[in-house]
Amino acid sequence: MQERDMQDVAGPAEEFGEVLEQLHSLHGSMQEAIQMRADAIRQADAEGLREAIGSESSVLEDIRRVDARRIELAGELTGTEAPRVQSLSMSNVLESIEDDVTREHLDQLSVRLRQQIKATQNRSAIVRQAAETLMGHIDGVMQSVRSAMETVGRYGPDGSLHRSQTGSVSLDITS
């Protein structure tokens, strides 16, 4: 590669590394937001849950934006155009970088990012499963309450017990 061509790739390669670091940091932020959600669920904190979900949404938007830039840079580094750039692997990108030090650095960053993404996915799956289990328990409690309410009677004006005609039952679990 000519000196000018190497300089042309050096800028995008350096920015590509910065983007990988940003993605790593954002996935760390996502893990924090997921922990906030877990804490809110554990404490039955509806407002905390809304805040955690808002935080997760904000971080997801940031990840989407930064990842779009990663894809653009991958295309620049490999000379690949849309829509094929979407299917590029990290190996494809690394192969296009001739400088061994830069290539090794980007490879290390990508490994760290993959580990962070995996940890985020695992944590999210655990919290999602806990929330689903909790909802199953709440559904069971509601069914028991509904069943009990259907068998409850009321006393009529004449002092006799009449079967209740309860149309719906609700339970406030936030207090």
Protein backbone atom coordinates (compact mmCIF):
# COMPACT_ATOMS: atom_id res chain seq x y z
CA MET A 1 0.00 0.00 0.00
CA GLN A 2 1.34 3.45 -0.85
CA GLU A 3 2.03 5.95 1.94
CA ARG A 4 -0.97 8.07 0.97
CA ASP A 5 -3.28 5.04 0.97
CA MET A 6 -2.05 4.00 4.43
CA GLN A 7 -2.87 7.49 5.71
CA ASP A 8 -6.33 7.23 4.15
CA VAL A 9 -6.97 4.01 6.10
CA ALA A 10 -5.29 5.19 9.33
CA GLY A 11 -7.99 7.80 10.03
CA PRO A 12 -10.95 5.44 9.62
CA ALA A 13 -9.11 2.64 11.47
CA GLU A 14 -8.43 4.95 14.42
CA GLU A 15 -12.04 6.13 14.42
CA PHE A 16 -13.18 2.51 14.12
CA GLY A 17 -11.27 1.76 17.34
CA GLU A 18 -12.89 4.73 19.06
CA VAL A 19 -16.30 3.51 17.95
CA LEU A 20 -15.61 0.03 19.35
CA GLU A 21 -14.60 1.63 22.66
CA GLN A 22 -17.80 3.72 22.66
CA LEU A 23 -19.88 0.61 22.03
CA HIS A 24 -18.10 -1.16 24.90
CA SER A 25 -18.88 1.75 27.22
CA LEU A 26 -22.50 1.94 26.06
CA HIS A 27 -23.03 -1.75 26.77
CA GLY A 28 -21.65 -1.11 30.25
CA SER A 29 -24.23 1.66 30.62
CA MET A 30 -26.89 -0.77 29.42
CA GLN A 31 -25.88 -3.22 32.14
CA GLU A 32 -26.31 -0.42 34.70
CA ALA A 33 -29.79 0.37 33.32
CA ILE A 34 -30.69 -3.33 33.45
CA GLN A 35 -29.57 -3.42 37.09
CA MET A 36 -31.77 -0.39 37.77
CA ARG A 37 -34.70 -2.30 36.24
CA ALA A 38 -33.92 -5.38 38.37
CA ASP A 39 -33.78 -3.25 41.52
CA ALA A 40 -37.06 -1.54 40.64
CA ILE A 41 -38.76 -4.88 40.05
CA ARG A 42 -37.38 -6.28 43.31
CA GLN A 43 -38.63 -3.22 45.24
CA ALA A 44 -41.97 -2.98 43.34
CA ASP A 45 -40.98 0.61 42.47
CA ALA A 46 -43.17 1.61 39.53
CA GLU A 47 -41.51 5.02 39.11
CA GLY A 48 -38.05 3.44 39.31
CA LEU A 49 -39.11 0.92 36.68
CA ARG A 50 -40.26 3.72 34.35
CA GLU A 51 -36.93 5.50 34.84
CA ALA A 52 -34.95 2.30 34.19
CA ILE A 53 -36.89 1.57 31.01
CA GLY A 54 -36.35 5.16 29.85
CA SER A 55 -32.64 4.82 30.56
CA GLU A 56 -32.47 1.54 28.64
CA SER A 57 -34.27 3.13 25.67
CA SER A 58 -31.87 6.07 25.66
CA VAL A 59 -28.82 3.80 25.76
CA LEU A 60 -30.29 1.61 23.00
CA GLU A 61 -30.70 4.67 20.79
CA ASP A 62 -27.08 5.65 21.45
CA ILE A 63 -25.94 2.10 20.62
CA ARG A 64 -27.95 2.21 17.38
CA ARG A 65 -26.40 5.53 16.39
CA VAL A 66 -22.80 4.49 17.19
CA ASP A 67 -23.25 1.09 15.55
CA ALA A 68 -24.45 2.81 12.37
CA ARG A 69 -21.16 4.71 12.35
CA ARG A 70 -19.27 1.44 12.92
CA ILE A 71 -20.94 0.00 9.83
CA GLU A 72 -20.06 3.09 7.77
CA LEU A 73 -16.42 2.87 8.84
CA ALA A 74 -16.32 -0.87 8.11
CA GLY A 75 -17.45 -0.03 4.59
CA GLU A 76 -14.77 2.64 4.24
CA LEU A 77 -12.04 0.34 5.53
CA THR A 78 -12.97 -2.57 3.29
CA GLY A 79 -14.21 -0.66 0.26
CA THR A 80 -17.58 -2.38 0.59
CA GLU A 81 -20.78 -0.56 -0.26
CA ALA A 82 -24.30 -0.88 1.09
CA PRO A 83 -26.11 -3.20 1.49
CA ARG A 84 -23.21 -5.71 1.53
CA VAL A 85 -21.45 -3.75 4.29
CA GLN A 86 -24.11 -5.01 6.75
CA SER A 87 -22.84 -8.57 6.37
CA LEU A 88 -19.16 -7.83 6.98
CA SER A 89 -17.60 -9.70 9.87
CA MET A 90 -14.92 -8.26 12.10
CA SER A 91 -12.46 -10.60 10.38
CA ASN A 92 -13.28 -8.93 7.05
CA VAL A 93 -12.55 -5.52 8.53
CA LEU A 94 -9.32 -6.65 10.19
CA GLU A 95 -8.07 -8.24 6.96
CA SER A 96 -8.29 -4.86 5.27
CA ILE A 97 -5.87 -3.25 7.76
CA GLU A 98 -2.23 -3.77 6.84
CA ASP A 99 -0.65 -2.26 9.96
CA ASP A 100 -0.12 -5.15 12.39
CA VAL A 101 -0.23 -3.00 15.53
CA THR A 102 -3.51 -1.34 14.49
CA ARG A 103 -5.02 -4.66 13.44
CA GLU A 104 -4.06 -6.31 16.77
CA HIS A 105 -5.42 -3.35 18.75
CA LEU A 106 -8.75 -3.46 16.90
CA ASP A 107 -8.91 -7.23 17.36
CA GLN A 108 -8.46 -6.82 21.14
CA LEU A 109 -11.13 -4.12 21.23
CA SER A 110 -13.54 -6.33 19.31
CA VAL A 111 -12.95 -9.24 21.71
CA ARG A 112 -13.66 -6.97 24.70
CA LEU A 113 -16.79 -5.66 22.99
CA ARG A 114 -18.07 -9.18 22.23
CA GLN A 115 -17.54 -10.13 25.88
CA GLN A 116 -19.37 -7.02 27.05
CA ILE A 117 -22.27 -7.66 24.66
CA LYS A 118 -22.53 -11.27 25.86
CA ALA A 119 -22.52 -10.16 29.51
CA THR A 120 -25.23 -7.59 28.74
CA GLN A 121 -27.37 -10.18 26.95
CA ASN A 122 -26.97 -12.64 29.83
CA ARG A 123 -27.90 -10.04 32.46
CA SER A 124 -30.89 -8.90 30.43
CA ALA A 125 -32.08 -12.51 30.02
CA ILE A 126 -31.83 -13.08 33.79
CA VAL A 127 -33.84 -9.95 34.60
CA ARG A 128 -36.40 -10.75 31.88
CA GLN A 129 -36.84 -14.29 33.28
CA ALA A 130 -37.23 -12.91 36.81
CA ALA A 131 -39.87 -10.44 35.61
CA GLU A 132 -41.74 -13.19 33.75
CA THR A 133 -41.64 -15.41 36.85
CA LEU A 134 -42.91 -12.55 39.00
CA MET A 135 -45.74 -11.88 36.56
CA GLY A 136 -46.65 -15.58 36.68
CA HIS A 137 -46.87 -15.38 40.47
CA ILE A 138 -48.96 -12.22 40.29
CA ASP A 139 -51.31 -13.88 37.79
CA GLY A 140 -51.66 -16.82 40.20
CA VAL A 141 -52.46 -14.51 43.10
CA MET A 142 -55.00 -12.64 41.00
CA GLN A 143 -56.64 -15.90 39.94
CA SER A 144 -56.87 -17.00 43.59
CA VAL A 145 -58.36 -13.65 44.62
CA ARG A 146 -60.81 -13.76 41.71
CA SER A 147 -61.84 -17.30 42.62
CA ALA A 148 -62.30 -16.38 46.27
CA MET A 149 -64.33 -13.30 45.36
CA GLU A 150 -66.62 -15.39 43.17
CA THR A 151 -67.55 -17.62 46.12
CA VAL A 152 -68.03 -14.78 48.60
CA GLY A 153 -71.60 -13.97 49.41
CA ARG A 154 -73.31 -10.91 50.78
CA TYR A 155 -76.13 -10.54 53.17
CA GLY A 156 -79.37 -9.27 51.70
CA PRO A 157 -81.89 -6.99 53.40
CA ASP A 158 -83.77 -10.01 54.68
CA GLY A 159 -80.64 -11.35 56.42
CA SER A 160 -80.07 -14.24 54.02
CA LEU A 161 -76.74 -14.90 52.29
CA HIS A 162 -76.76 -14.22 48.53
CA ARG A 163 -74.07 -15.23 46.07
CA SER A 164 -72.00 -12.20 44.94
CA GLN A 165 -72.13 -11.19 41.30
CA THR A 166 -68.66 -9.63 41.18
CA GLY A 167 -67.86 -8.56 37.64
CA SER A 168 -64.19 -7.81 38.07
CA VAL A 169 -61.52 -7.87 40.71
CA SER A 170 -58.39 -5.76 40.90
CA LEU A 171 -55.50 -5.73 43.32
CA ASP A 172 -53.06 -2.85 43.91
CA ILE A 173 -49.62 -4.38 44.45
CA THR A 174 -47.73 -1.08 44.55
CA SER A 175 -48.51 -0.31 48.17
